[in-house]
PDB file of N, CA and C in Angstrom:
ATOM      1  N   MET A   1      37.483  -5.766   5.886  1.00  0.00           N
ATOM      2  CA  MET A   1      36.205  -5.749   5.404  1.00  0.00           C
ATOM      3  C   MET A   1      35.455  -6.910   5.459  1.00  0.00           C
ATOM      4  N   ASP A   2      35.646  -8.237   4.866  1.00  0.00           N
ATOM      5  CA  ASP A   2      34.840  -9.079   4.608  1.00  0.00           C
ATOM      6  C   ASP A   2      34.042  -9.573   5.608  1.00  0.00           C
ATOM      7  N   ALA A   3      34.533  -9.653   7.239  1.00  0.00           N
ATOM      8  CA  ALA A   3      33.733  -9.592   8.538  1.00  0.00           C
ATOM      9  C   ALA A   3      32.622  -8.992   8.650  1.00  0.00           C
ATOM     10  N   ASP A   4      33.171  -7.350   7.785  1.00  0.00           N
ATOM     11  CA  ASP A   4      32.540  -6.352   8.436  1.00  0.00           C
ATOM     12  C   ASP A   4      31.014  -6.901   7.562  1.00  0.00           C
ATOM     13  N   ARG A   5      31.518  -6.725   6.233  1.00  0.00           N
ATOM     14  CA  ARG A   5      30.111  -7.311   4.879  1.00  0.00           C
ATOM     15  C   ARG A   5      29.490  -8.837   5.413  1.00  0.00           C
ATOM     16  N   VAL A   6      29.762  -9.426   6.524  1.00  0.00           N
ATOM     17  CA  VAL A   6      28.853 -10.682   6.407  1.00  0.00           C
ATOM     18  C   VAL A   6      27.982  -9.656   7.661  1.00  0.00           C
ATOM     19  N   LEU A   7      28.760  -9.304   8.247  1.00  0.00           N
ATOM     20  CA  LEU A   7      27.572  -8.231   9.577  1.00  0.00           C
ATOM     21  C   LEU A   7      26.758  -7.464   9.598  1.00  0.00           C
ATOM     22  N   ILE A   8      26.292  -7.057   8.107  1.00  0.00           N
ATOM     23  CA  ILE A   8      25.882  -6.006   7.439  1.00  0.00           C
ATOM     24  C   ILE A   8      24.977  -6.497   5.916  1.00  0.00           C
ATOM     25  N   LEU A   9      25.093  -7.528   6.359  1.00  0.00           N
ATOM     26  CA  LEU A   9      24.514  -8.792   5.557  1.00  0.00           C
ATOM     27  C   LEU A   9      23.696  -9.149   6.121  1.00  0.00           C
ATOM     28  N   GLY A  10      24.161  -9.242   7.237  1.00  0.00           N
ATOM     29  CA  GLY A  10      22.798 -10.061   8.899  1.00  0.00           C
ATOM     30  C   GLY A  10      21.686  -9.086   8.437  1.00  0.00           C
ATOM     31  N   MET A  11      22.314  -7.573   9.461  1.00  0.00           N
ATOM     32  CA  MET A  11      21.383  -6.910   9.707  1.00  0.00           C
ATOM     33  C   MET A  11      20.473  -6.529   8.243  1.00  0.00           C
ATOM     34  N   VAL A  12      21.385  -6.413   7.626  1.00  0.00           N
ATOM     35  CA  VAL A  12      20.201  -5.863   5.914  1.00  0.00           C
ATOM     36  C   VAL A  12      18.937  -7.079   5.896  1.00  0.00           C
ATOM     37  N   ARG A  13      19.534  -8.444   5.548  1.00  0.00           N
ATOM     38  CA  ARG A  13      18.383  -9.535   5.770  1.00  0.00           C
ATOM     39  C   ARG A  13      17.503  -9.260   7.019  1.00  0.00           C
ATOM     40  N   ALA A  14      17.404  -9.239   8.516  1.00  0.00           N
ATOM     41  CA  ALA A  14      16.796  -9.476   9.205  1.00  0.00           C
ATOM     42  C   ALA A  14      15.935  -7.602   9.075  1.00  0.00           C
ATOM     43  N   ILE A  15      16.436  -6.656   8.503  1.00  0.00           N
ATOM     44  CA  ILE A  15      15.560  -5.452   8.374  1.00  0.00           C
ATOM     45  C   ILE A  15      14.598  -5.565   6.810  1.00  0.00           C
ATOM     46  N   LEU A  16      14.927  -6.781   6.056  1.00  0.00           N
ATOM     47  CA  LEU A  16      13.990  -6.593   4.821  1.00  0.00           C
ATOM     48  C   LEU A  16      13.127  -7.649   5.588  1.00  0.00           C
ATOM     49  N   LYS A  17      12.896  -8.421   6.264  1.00  0.00           N
ATOM     50  CA  LYS A  17      12.127  -9.238   6.589  1.00  0.00           C
ATOM     51  C   LYS A  17      10.850  -8.063   7.386  1.00  0.00           C
ATOM     52  N   GLU A  18      11.349  -7.029   7.689  1.00  0.00           N
ATOM     53  CA  GLU A  18       9.966  -6.254   8.010  1.00  0.00           C
ATOM     54  C   GLU A  18       9.639  -4.937   6.975  1.00  0.00           C
ATOM     55  N   ASP A  19       9.826  -5.346   5.780  1.00  0.00           N
ATOM     56  CA  ASP A  19       9.484  -4.786   4.486  1.00  0.00           C
ATOM     57  C   ASP A  19       9.273  -3.177   4.857  1.00  0.00           C
ATOM     58  N   SER A  20      11.370  -3.428   5.210  1.00  0.00           N
ATOM     59  CA  SER A  20      11.118  -1.155   5.161  1.00  0.00           C
ATOM     60  C   SER A  20      12.429  -1.204   4.355  1.00  0.00           C
ATOM     61  N   PRO A  21      12.190  -0.162   3.490  1.00  0.00           N
ATOM     62  CA  PRO A  21      14.023   0.180   3.142  1.00  0.00           C
ATOM     63  C   PRO A  21      15.134   0.584   3.855  1.00  0.00           C
ATOM     64  N   ILE A  22      15.961   0.523   3.568  1.00  0.00           N
ATOM     65  CA  ILE A  22      17.258   0.854   3.736  1.00  0.00           C
ATOM     66  C   ILE A  22      17.863   1.728   3.454  1.00  0.00           C
ATOM     67  N   VAL A  23      18.704   2.326   4.258  1.00  0.00           N
ATOM     68  CA  VAL A  23      19.806   3.116   3.642  1.00  0.00           C
ATOM     69  C   VAL A  23      21.319   2.889   5.052  1.00  0.00           C
ATOM     70  N   ILE A  24      22.445   2.587   4.811  1.00  0.00           N
ATOM     71  CA  ILE A  24      23.839   2.468   4.988  1.00  0.00           C
ATOM     72  C   ILE A  24      24.778   3.591   4.649  1.00  0.00           C
ATOM     73  N   THR A  25      25.199   3.832   5.629  1.00  0.00           N
ATOM     74  CA  THR A  25      26.356   5.328   4.968  1.00  0.00           C
ATOM     75  C   THR A  25      27.523   3.754   5.011  1.00  0.00           C
ATOM     76  N   ASP A  26      28.307   4.709   4.616  1.00  0.00           N
ATOM     77  CA  ASP A  26      30.061   3.298   4.355  1.00  0.00           C
ATOM     78  C   ASP A  26      30.876   4.223   3.435  1.00  0.00           C
ATOM     79  N   GLY A  27      31.875   3.996   3.147  1.00  0.00           N
ATOM     80  CA  GLY A  27      33.053   4.961   2.634  1.00  0.00           C
ATOM     81  C   GLY A  27      32.638   4.712   1.327  1.00  0.00           C
ATOM     82  N   THR A  28      33.308   6.021   1.123  1.00  0.00           N
ATOM     83  CA  THR A  28      33.315   5.921  -0.240  1.00  0.00           C
ATOM     84  C   THR A  28      34.031   4.848  -1.186  1.00  0.00           C
ATOM     85  N   ASP A  29      35.165   4.838  -0.352  1.00  0.00           N
ATOM     86  CA  ASP A  29      36.179   3.858  -1.073  1.00  0.00           C
ATOM     87  C   ASP A  29      36.107   2.132  -1.255  1.00  0.00           C
ATOM     88  N   ILE A  30      34.795   2.242  -0.519  1.00  0.00           N
ATOM     89  CA  ILE A  30      34.761   1.378  -0.087  1.00  0.00           C
ATOM     90  C   ILE A  30      33.367   0.154  -0.504  1.00  0.00           C
ATOM     91  N   MET A  31      32.484   1.555  -0.906  1.00  0.00           N
ATOM     92  CA  MET A  31      30.963   1.456  -1.248  1.00  0.00           C
ATOM     93  C   MET A  31      30.668   0.996  -1.719  1.00  0.00           C
ATOM     94  N   VAL A  32      31.065   0.710  -3.176  1.00  0.00           N
ATOM     95  CA  VAL A  32      30.763  -0.087  -4.805  1.00  0.00           C
ATOM     96  C   VAL A  32      30.831  -1.806  -4.101  1.00  0.00           C
ATOM     97  N   GLU A  33      31.805  -1.853  -3.594  1.00  0.00           N
ATOM     98  CA  GLU A  33      31.848  -3.507  -3.127  1.00  0.00           C
ATOM     99  C   GLU A  33      31.047  -4.022  -2.349  1.00  0.00           C
ATOM    100  N   THR A  34      30.441  -2.974  -0.976  1.00  0.00           N
ATOM    101  CA  THR A  34      29.886  -3.244  -0.533  1.00  0.00           C
ATOM    102  C   THR A  34      28.108  -3.883  -1.223  1.00  0.00           C
ATOM    103  N   GLY A  35      27.822  -3.048  -1.483  1.00  0.00           N
ATOM    104  CA  GLY A  35      26.757  -2.628  -2.740  1.00  0.00           C
ATOM    105  C   GLY A  35      26.404  -4.026  -3.313  1.00  0.00           C
ATOM    106  N   LEU A  36      27.726  -4.090  -3.826  1.00  0.00           N
ATOM    107  CA  LEU A  36      27.976  -5.957  -4.428  1.00  0.00           C
ATOM    108  C   LEU A  36      27.582  -7.039  -4.086  1.00  0.00           C
ATOM    109  N   TYR A  37      28.234  -6.824  -3.130  1.00  0.00           N
ATOM    110  CA  TYR A  37      28.209  -8.191  -1.820  1.00  0.00           C
ATOM    111  C   TYR A  37      27.045  -8.609  -1.099  1.00  0.00           C
ATOM    112  N   LEU A  38      25.947  -7.230  -1.092  1.00  0.00           N
ATOM    113  CA  LEU A  38      24.973  -7.507  -0.658  1.00  0.00           C
ATOM    114  C   LEU A  38      24.216  -8.256  -1.981  1.00  0.00           C
ATOM    115  N   GLN A  39      24.324  -6.923  -2.881  1.00  0.00           N
ATOM    116  CA  GLN A  39      23.481  -7.299  -4.175  1.00  0.00           C
ATOM    117  C   GLN A  39      23.418  -9.062  -4.387  1.00  0.00           C
ATOM    118  N   ARG A  40      24.717  -9.521  -4.484  1.00  0.00           N
ATOM    119  CA  ARG A  40      24.761 -11.341  -4.428  1.00  0.00           C
ATOM    120  C   ARG A  40      24.088 -11.908  -3.552  1.00  0.00           C
ATOM    121  N   GLY A  41      24.341 -11.402  -2.792  1.00  0.00           N
ATOM    122  CA  GLY A  41      23.683 -12.248  -1.117  1.00  0.00           C
ATOM    123  C   GLY A  41      23.028 -11.957  -0.889  1.00  0.00           C
ATOM    124  N   LEU A  42      22.079 -10.703  -1.727  1.00  0.00           N
ATOM    125  CA  LEU A  42      20.438 -11.072  -1.295  1.00  0.00           C
ATOM    126  C   LEU A  42      19.450 -11.895  -2.229  1.00  0.00           C
ATOM    127  N   GLY A  43      19.901 -11.836  -3.460  1.00  0.00           N
ATOM    128  CA  GLY A  43      18.853 -12.453  -4.627  1.00  0.00           C
ATOM    129  C   GLY A  43      18.026 -11.373  -5.098  1.00  0.00           C
ATOM    130  N   GLU A  44      16.608 -12.176  -5.165  1.00  0.00           N
ATOM    131  CA  GLU A  44      15.439 -10.780  -5.876  1.00  0.00           C
ATOM    132  C   GLU A  44      15.189  -9.977  -4.252  1.00  0.00           C
ATOM    133  N   LEU A  45      15.222  -8.452  -4.427  1.00  0.00           N
ATOM    134  CA  LEU A  45      14.300  -7.381  -3.110  1.00  0.00           C
ATOM    135  C   LEU A  45      13.448  -6.939  -3.876  1.00  0.00           C
ATOM    136  N   HIS A  46      12.865  -6.648  -2.258  1.00  0.00           N
ATOM    137  CA  HIS A  46      11.871  -6.371  -2.631  1.00  0.00           C
ATOM    138  C   HIS A  46      11.523  -5.226  -2.018  1.00  0.00           C
ATOM    139  N   MET A  47      12.658  -4.780  -1.948  1.00  0.00           N
ATOM    140  CA  MET A  47      12.550  -3.358  -1.213  1.00  0.00           C
ATOM    141  C   MET A  47      14.130  -2.323  -1.423  1.00  0.00           C
ATOM    142  N   PRO A  48      14.219  -1.057  -1.920  1.00  0.00           N
ATOM    143  CA  PRO A  48      15.720  -0.522  -2.667  1.00  0.00           C
ATOM    144  C   PRO A  48      16.220  -0.485  -0.602  1.00  0.00           C
ATOM    145  N   ILE A  49      17.986  -0.654  -1.081  1.00  0.00           N
ATOM    146  CA  ILE A  49      18.533  -0.025  -0.243  1.00  0.00           C
ATOM    147  C   ILE A  49      19.514   0.623  -1.107  1.00  0.00           C
ATOM    148  N   VAL A  50      20.308   1.496  -0.055  1.00  0.00           N
ATOM    149  CA  VAL A  50      20.767   3.019  -0.948  1.00  0.00           C
ATOM    150  C   VAL A  50      22.025   2.676  -0.442  1.00  0.00           C
ATOM    151  N   LEU A  51      23.578   2.879  -1.032  1.00  0.00           N
ATOM    152  CA  LEU A  51      24.907   3.111   0.044  1.00  0.00           C
ATOM    153  C   LEU A  51      24.975   4.396   0.042  1.00  0.00           C
ATOM    154  N   THR A  52      25.415   5.380   0.740  1.00  0.00           N
ATOM    155  CA  THR A  52      25.635   6.756   0.877  1.00  0.00           C
ATOM    156  C   THR A  52      27.047   7.347   1.392  1.00  0.00           C
ATOM    157  N   GLY A  53      28.240   7.992   2.116  1.00  0.00           N
ATOM    158  CA  GLY A  53      28.495   9.200   2.374  1.00  0.00           C
ATOM    159  C   GLY A  53      29.039  10.161   1.855  1.00  0.00           C
ATOM    160  N   ALA A  54      30.213   9.888   2.579  1.00  0.00           N
ATOM    161  CA  ALA A  54      30.315  11.927   2.205  1.00  0.00           C
ATOM    162  C   ALA A  54      32.458  11.360   1.656  1.00  0.00           C
ATOM    163  N   MET A  55      32.110  12.385   0.606  1.00  0.00           N
ATOM    164  CA  MET A  55      33.488  12.874   0.005  1.00  0.00           C
ATOM    165  C   MET A  55      34.560  13.836   0.584  1.00  0.00           C
ATOM    166  N   THR A  56      33.756  14.650   1.323  1.00  0.00           N
ATOM    167  CA  THR A  56      33.860  15.484   2.870  1.00  0.00           C
ATOM    168  C   THR A  56      33.292  15.067   3.871  1.00  0.00           C
ATOM    169  N   PRO A  57      34.471  14.307   4.839  1.00  0.00           N
ATOM    170  CA  PRO A  57      33.414  14.070   6.296  1.00  0.00           C
ATOM    171  C   PRO A  57      32.544  14.431   6.747  1.00  0.00           C
ATOM    172  N   LEU A  58      31.258  14.569   7.641  1.00  0.00           N
ATOM    173  CA  LEU A  58      31.286  15.012   8.884  1.00  0.00           C
ATOM    174  C   LEU A  58      32.135  15.655   9.143  1.00  0.00           C
ATOM    175  N   GLY A  59      32.049  17.190  10.002  1.00  0.00           N
ATOM    176  CA  GLY A  59      32.978  18.004  10.403  1.00  0.00           C
ATOM    177  C   GLY A  59      33.990  18.522   9.925  1.00  0.00           C
ATOM    178  N   PHE A  60      34.151  18.166   8.593  1.00  0.00           N
ATOM    179  CA  PHE A  60      35.130  19.319   8.117  1.00  0.00           C
ATOM    180  C   PHE A  60      34.554  20.289   7.160  1.00  0.00           C
ATOM    181  N   GLU A  61      35.104  21.011   7.023  1.00  0.00           N
ATOM    182  CA  GLU A  61      34.326  22.609   5.878  1.00  0.00           C
ATOM    183  C   GLU A  61      33.786  22.009   4.867  1.00  0.00           C
ATOM    184  N   ASN A  62      32.568  21.891   4.258  1.00  0.00           N
ATOM    185  CA  ASN A  62      32.102  22.188   2.756  1.00  0.00           C
ATOM    186  C   ASN A  62      31.636  20.194   2.737  1.00  0.00           C
ATOM    187  N   SER A  63      31.416  19.863   4.417  1.00  0.00           N
ATOM    188  CA  SER A  63      31.262  19.186   3.956  1.00  0.00           C
ATOM    189  C   SER A  63      30.188  17.856   2.982  1.00  0.00           C
ATOM    190  N   ASP A  64      30.362  17.204   2.630  1.00  0.00           N
ATOM    191  CA  ASP A  64      28.429  16.948   1.433  1.00  0.00           C
ATOM    192  C   ASP A  64      27.385  15.567   2.736  1.00  0.00           C
ATOM    193  N   GLY A  65      28.282  15.533   3.476  1.00  0.00           N
ATOM    194  CA  GLY A  65      27.488  13.826   3.913  1.00  0.00           C
ATOM    195  C   GLY A  65      25.762  14.513   4.993  1.00  0.00           C
ATOM    196  N   LEU A  66      26.158  15.144   5.087  1.00  0.00           N
ATOM    197  CA  LEU A  66      24.653  15.865   5.611  1.00  0.00           C
ATOM    198  C   LEU A  66      23.700  15.377   4.082  1.00  0.00           C
ATOM    199  N   GLN A  67      23.952  16.639   3.511  1.00  0.00           N
ATOM    200  CA  GLN A  67      23.252  16.371   2.110  1.00  0.00           C
ATOM    201  C   GLN A  67      22.527  14.927   1.266  1.00  0.00           C
ATOM    202  N   ASN A  68      24.507  14.303   1.017  1.00  0.00           N
ATOM    203  CA  ASN A  68      23.927  13.309   1.678  1.00  0.00           C
ATOM    204  C   ASN A  68      23.569  11.462   1.451  1.00  0.00           C
ATOM    205  N   LEU A  69      22.943  12.031   3.055  1.00  0.00           N
ATOM    206  CA  LEU A  69      22.050  11.192   3.689  1.00  0.00           C
ATOM    207  C   LEU A  69      21.094  11.625   4.083  1.00  0.00           C
ATOM    208  N   THR A  70      20.518  13.132   3.484  1.00  0.00           N
ATOM    209  CA  THR A  70      18.847  13.855   2.868  1.00  0.00           C
ATOM    210  C   THR A  70      18.816  13.028   1.904  1.00  0.00           C
ATOM    211  N   GLU A  71      19.543  13.104   0.893  1.00  0.00           N
ATOM    212  CA  GLU A  71      18.920  13.025  -0.550  1.00  0.00           C
ATOM    213  C   GLU A  71      18.853  11.201   0.158  1.00  0.00           C
ATOM    214  N   SER A  72      19.908  10.475   0.002  1.00  0.00           N
ATOM    215  CA  SER A  72      19.411   8.574   0.385  1.00  0.00           C
ATOM    216  C   SER A  72      18.492   8.670   1.036  1.00  0.00           C
ATOM    217  N   LEU A  73      17.828   9.450   2.387  1.00  0.00           N
ATOM    218  CA  LEU A  73      16.680   8.824   2.846  1.00  0.00           C
ATOM    219  C   LEU A  73      15.402   9.581   1.292  1.00  0.00           C
ATOM    220  N   MET A  74      15.456  10.458   1.279  1.00  0.00           N
ATOM    221  CA  MET A  74      14.340  10.667   0.076  1.00  0.00           C
ATOM    222  C   MET A  74      14.272   9.942  -1.195  1.00  0.00           C
ATOM    223  N   ALA A  75      15.891   9.534  -1.391  1.00  0.00           N
ATOM    224  CA  ALA A  75      15.721   8.587  -2.526  1.00  0.00           C
ATOM    225  C   ALA A  75      15.306   6.676  -2.281  1.00  0.00           C
ATOM    226  N   VAL A  76      14.869   6.938  -0.948  1.00  0.00           N
ATOM    227  CA  VAL A  76      15.389   5.032  -0.467  1.00  0.00           C
ATOM    228  C   VAL A  76      13.204   5.165  -0.833  1.00  0.00           C
ATOM    229  N   GLN A  77      12.735   6.106  -0.691  1.00  0.00           N
ATOM    230  CA  GLN A  77      11.612   6.235  -0.195  1.00  0.00           C
ATOM    231  C   GLN A  77      11.220   6.255  -2.079  1.00  0.00           C
ATOM    232  N   LEU A  78      11.314   6.611  -3.374  1.00  0.00           N
ATOM    233  CA  LEU A  78      10.980   6.680  -4.843  1.00  0.00           C
ATOM    234  C   LEU A  78      11.502   5.659  -5.309  1.00  0.00           C
ATOM    235  N   LEU A  79      12.925   5.066  -4.952  1.00  0.00           N
ATOM    236  CA  LEU A  79      13.993   4.129  -5.784  1.00  0.00           C
ATOM    237  C   LEU A  79      12.502   2.977  -5.843  1.00  0.00           C
ATOM    238  N   ARG A  80      12.985   1.754  -7.035  1.00  0.00           N
ATOM    239  CA  ARG A  80      12.431   0.308  -7.081  1.00  0.00           C
ATOM    240  C   ARG A  80      13.399  -0.201  -5.951  1.00  0.00           C
ATOM    241  N   PRO A  81      12.916  -1.940  -6.282  1.00  0.00           N
ATOM    242  CA  PRO A  81      13.397  -2.408  -5.601  1.00  0.00           C
ATOM    243  C   PRO A  81      15.182  -2.444  -6.135  1.00  0.00           C
ATOM    244  N   GLY A  82      16.185  -2.571  -5.527  1.00  0.00           N
ATOM    245  CA  GLY A  82      17.732  -2.955  -5.327  1.00  0.00           C
ATOM    246  C   GLY A  82      18.496  -2.466  -4.659  1.00  0.00           C
ATOM    247  N   VAL A  83      19.969  -2.208  -5.211  1.00  0.00           N
ATOM    248  CA  VAL A  83      20.882  -1.374  -4.562  1.00  0.00           C
ATOM    249  C   VAL A  83      21.261  -0.714  -5.333  1.00  0.00           C
ATOM    250  N   TYR A  84      21.480   0.137  -4.447  1.00  0.00           N
ATOM    251  CA  TYR A  84      21.830   1.538  -5.573  1.00  0.00           C
ATOM    252  C   TYR A  84      23.357   2.498  -4.016  1.00  0.00           C
ATOM    253  N   VAL A  85      23.848   3.552  -5.259  1.00  0.00           N
ATOM    254  CA  VAL A  85      24.494   4.819  -4.892  1.00  0.00           C
ATOM    255  C   VAL A  85      23.902   6.092  -4.628  1.00  0.00           C
ATOM    256  N   VAL A  86      23.550   6.606  -4.161  1.00  0.00           N
ATOM    257  CA  VAL A  86      23.575   8.089  -3.882  1.00  0.00           C
ATOM    258  C   VAL A  86      23.842   9.311  -2.965  1.00  0.00           C
ATOM    259  N   MET A  87      24.725   9.803  -4.233  1.00  0.00           N
ATOM    260  CA  MET A  87      25.257  10.904  -3.629  1.00  0.00           C
ATOM    261  C   MET A  87      25.222  11.869  -4.579  1.00  0.00           C
ATOM    262  N   HIS A  88      25.638  12.592  -4.425  1.00  0.00           N
ATOM    263  CA  HIS A  88      25.666  14.377  -5.036  1.00  0.00           C
ATOM    264  C   HIS A  88      24.508  14.337  -5.678  1.00  0.00           C
ATOM    265  N   ASN A  89      23.537  14.677  -5.501  1.00  0.00           N
ATOM    266  CA  ASN A  89      21.753  14.130  -6.299  1.00  0.00           C
ATOM    267  C   ASN A  89      21.783  13.676  -7.470  1.00  0.00           C
ATOM    268  N   ARG A  90      22.421  12.341  -7.285  1.00  0.00           N
ATOM    269  CA  ARG A  90      21.579  11.026  -8.377  1.00  0.00           C
ATOM    270  C   ARG A  90      22.130   9.687  -8.192  1.00  0.00           C
ATOM    271  N   ALA A  91      21.034   9.358  -8.049  1.00  0.00           N
ATOM    272  CA  ALA A  91      21.253   7.367  -7.982  1.00  0.00           C
ATOM    273  C   ALA A  91      21.064   6.513  -8.535  1.00  0.00           C
ATOM    274  N   TYR A  92      22.076   6.011  -8.291  1.00  0.00           N
ATOM    275  CA  TYR A  92      22.971   4.665  -9.118  1.00  0.00           C
ATOM    276  C   TYR A  92      23.602   3.562  -8.925  1.00  0.00           C
ATOM    277  N   PRO A  93      22.395   2.440  -9.356  1.00  0.00           N
ATOM    278  CA  PRO A  93      22.272   1.076  -9.708  1.00  0.00           C
ATOM    279  C   PRO A  93      24.177   0.602  -9.070  1.00  0.00           C
ATOM    280  N   VAL A  94      23.633   0.256  -7.680  1.00  0.00           N
ATOM    281  CA  VAL A  94      25.149  -0.548  -7.871  1.00  0.00           C
ATOM    282  C   VAL A  94      26.547  -0.715  -8.973  1.00  0.00           C
ATOM    283  N   HIS A  95      25.566  -1.535  -9.905  1.00  0.00           N
ATOM    284  CA  HIS A  95      26.574  -2.523 -10.790  1.00  0.00           C
ATOM    285  C   HIS A  95      26.864  -1.308 -11.948  1.00  0.00           C
ATOM    286  N   ARG A  96      26.074  -0.279 -11.837  1.00  0.00           N
ATOM    287  CA  ARG A  96      26.739   1.346 -12.455  1.00  0.00           C
ATOM    288  C   ARG A  96      27.700   1.968 -12.569  1.00  0.00           C
ATOM    289  N   VAL A  97      28.234   1.821 -11.616  1.00  0.00           N
ATOM    290  CA  VAL A  97      28.472   3.109 -10.732  1.00  0.00           C
ATOM    291  C   VAL A  97      30.199   2.867  -9.957  1.00  0.00           C
ATOM    292  N   ARG A  98      30.863   3.786 -10.266  1.00  0.00           N
ATOM    293  CA  ARG A  98      32.352   4.128  -9.489  1.00  0.00           C
ATOM    294  C   ARG A  98      32.524   5.026  -9.134  1.00  0.00           C
ATOM    295  N   LYS A  99      33.058   5.169  -8.246  1.00  0.00           N
ATOM    296  CA  LYS A  99      33.898   6.210  -7.325  1.00  0.00           C
ATOM    297  C   LYS A  99      34.998   7.074  -9.050  1.00  0.00           C
ATOM    298  N   GLY A 100      34.984   8.596  -9.056  1.00  0.00           N
ATOM    299  CA  GLY A 100      35.922   8.652 -10.176  1.00  0.00           C
ATOM    300  C   GLY A 100      36.809   9.729  -9.124  1.00  0.00           C
ATOM    301  N   HIS A 101      37.842   9.506  -8.950  1.00  0.00           N
ATOM    302  CA  HIS A 101      38.524   9.688  -8.294  1.00  0.00           C
ATOM    303  C   HIS A 101      38.929  11.249  -8.156  1.00  0.00           C
ATOM    304  N   SER A 102      39.519  11.464  -9.446  1.00  0.00           N
ATOM    305  CA  SER A 102      39.673  12.416  -9.920  1.00  0.00           C
ATOM    306  C   SER A 102      38.939  13.705 -10.306  1.00  0.00           C
ATOM    307  N   LEU A 103      37.064  13.694 -10.388  1.00  0.00           N
ATOM    308  CA  LEU A 103      36.932  14.581 -10.159  1.00  0.00           C
ATOM    309  C   LEU A 103      35.744  13.995  -8.667  1.00  0.00           C
ATOM    310  N   GLY A 104      36.103  13.748  -7.838  1.00  0.00           N
ATOM    311  CA  GLY A 104      36.044  13.695  -6.379  1.00  0.00           C
ATOM    312  C   GLY A 104      34.113  13.184  -6.449  1.00  0.00           C
ATOM    313  N   ARG A 105      33.936  12.553  -7.001  1.00  0.00           N
ATOM    314  CA  ARG A 105      32.071  12.501  -7.203  1.00  0.00           C
ATOM    315  C   ARG A 105      31.809  10.935  -8.264  1.00  0.00           C
ATOM    316  N   PHE A 106      30.907  10.095  -7.757  1.00  0.00           N
ATOM    317  CA  PHE A 106      30.382   8.910  -8.574  1.00  0.00           C
ATOM    318  C   PHE A 106      30.457   9.221  -9.993  1.00  0.00           C
ATOM    319  N   VAL A 107      30.327   8.236 -10.480  1.00  0.00           N
ATOM    320  CA  VAL A 107      30.134   8.339 -11.764  1.00  0.00           C
ATOM    321  C   VAL A 107      30.196   7.281 -12.578  1.00  0.00           C
ATOM    322  N   TRP A 108      28.801   6.782 -13.670  1.00  0.00           N
ATOM    323  CA  TRP A 108      27.831   6.171 -14.076  1.00  0.00           C
ATOM    324  C   TRP A 108      29.140   5.558 -14.867  1.00  0.00           C
ATOM    325  N   THR A 109      29.101   4.549 -15.247  1.00  0.00           N
ATOM    326  CA  THR A 109      30.027   3.065 -16.084  1.00  0.00           C
ATOM    327  C   THR A 109      29.008   2.533 -16.656  1.00  0.00           C
ATOM    328  N   ASP A 110      29.122   2.487 -18.183  1.00  0.00           N
ATOM    329  CA  ASP A 110      29.137   1.224 -18.982  1.00  0.00           C
ATOM    330  C   ASP A 110      29.193  -0.355 -18.798  1.00  0.00           C
ATOM    331  N   GLU A 111      30.811  -0.458 -18.013  1.00  0.00           N
ATOM    332  CA  GLU A 111      31.093  -1.821 -17.324  1.00  0.00           C
ATOM    333  C   GLU A 111      30.081  -2.121 -16.735  1.00  0.00           C
ATOM    334  N   HIS A 112      29.475  -3.476 -16.853  1.00  0.00           N
ATOM    335  CA  HIS A 112      28.860  -3.970 -15.914  1.00  0.00           C
ATOM    336  C   HIS A 112      30.602  -4.388 -14.004  1.00  0.00           C
ATOM    337  N   VAL A 113      30.364  -3.364 -13.306  1.00  0.00           N
ATOM    338  CA  VAL A 113      30.968  -4.067 -12.067  1.00  0.00           C
ATOM    339  C   VAL A 113      31.474  -4.749 -11.195  1.00  0.00           C
ATOM    340  N   LYS A 114      31.824  -5.771 -11.316  1.00  0.00           N
ATOM    341  CA  LYS A 114      31.921  -6.552 -11.030  1.00  0.00           C
ATOM    342  C   LYS A 114      32.025  -7.015  -9.046  1.00  0.00           C
TER     343      LYS A 114
END
């Protein structure tokens, strides 16, 4: 996983040089960790970076993947610079979100995620 995150960080740095907002699809079990890794590695941002995924993968009945991707493409145009998780009609700063496994969705947390 760390090697993958290093590659993602390098790609994000290259894209940010073009002043473009970024949407990244990632697994929901590792999404927050990927976002926090990017936040630590990038410093001050001038564009939003959105991570999204699916609780029910594409190809399965009732998948939320396409809806989450569509919402992310809209959100990345509207959000302030920073790193976010966008899922199920919500945008969360990456350091304030966790996956609520029993709920089947991401939830706000008042604890700073490290």
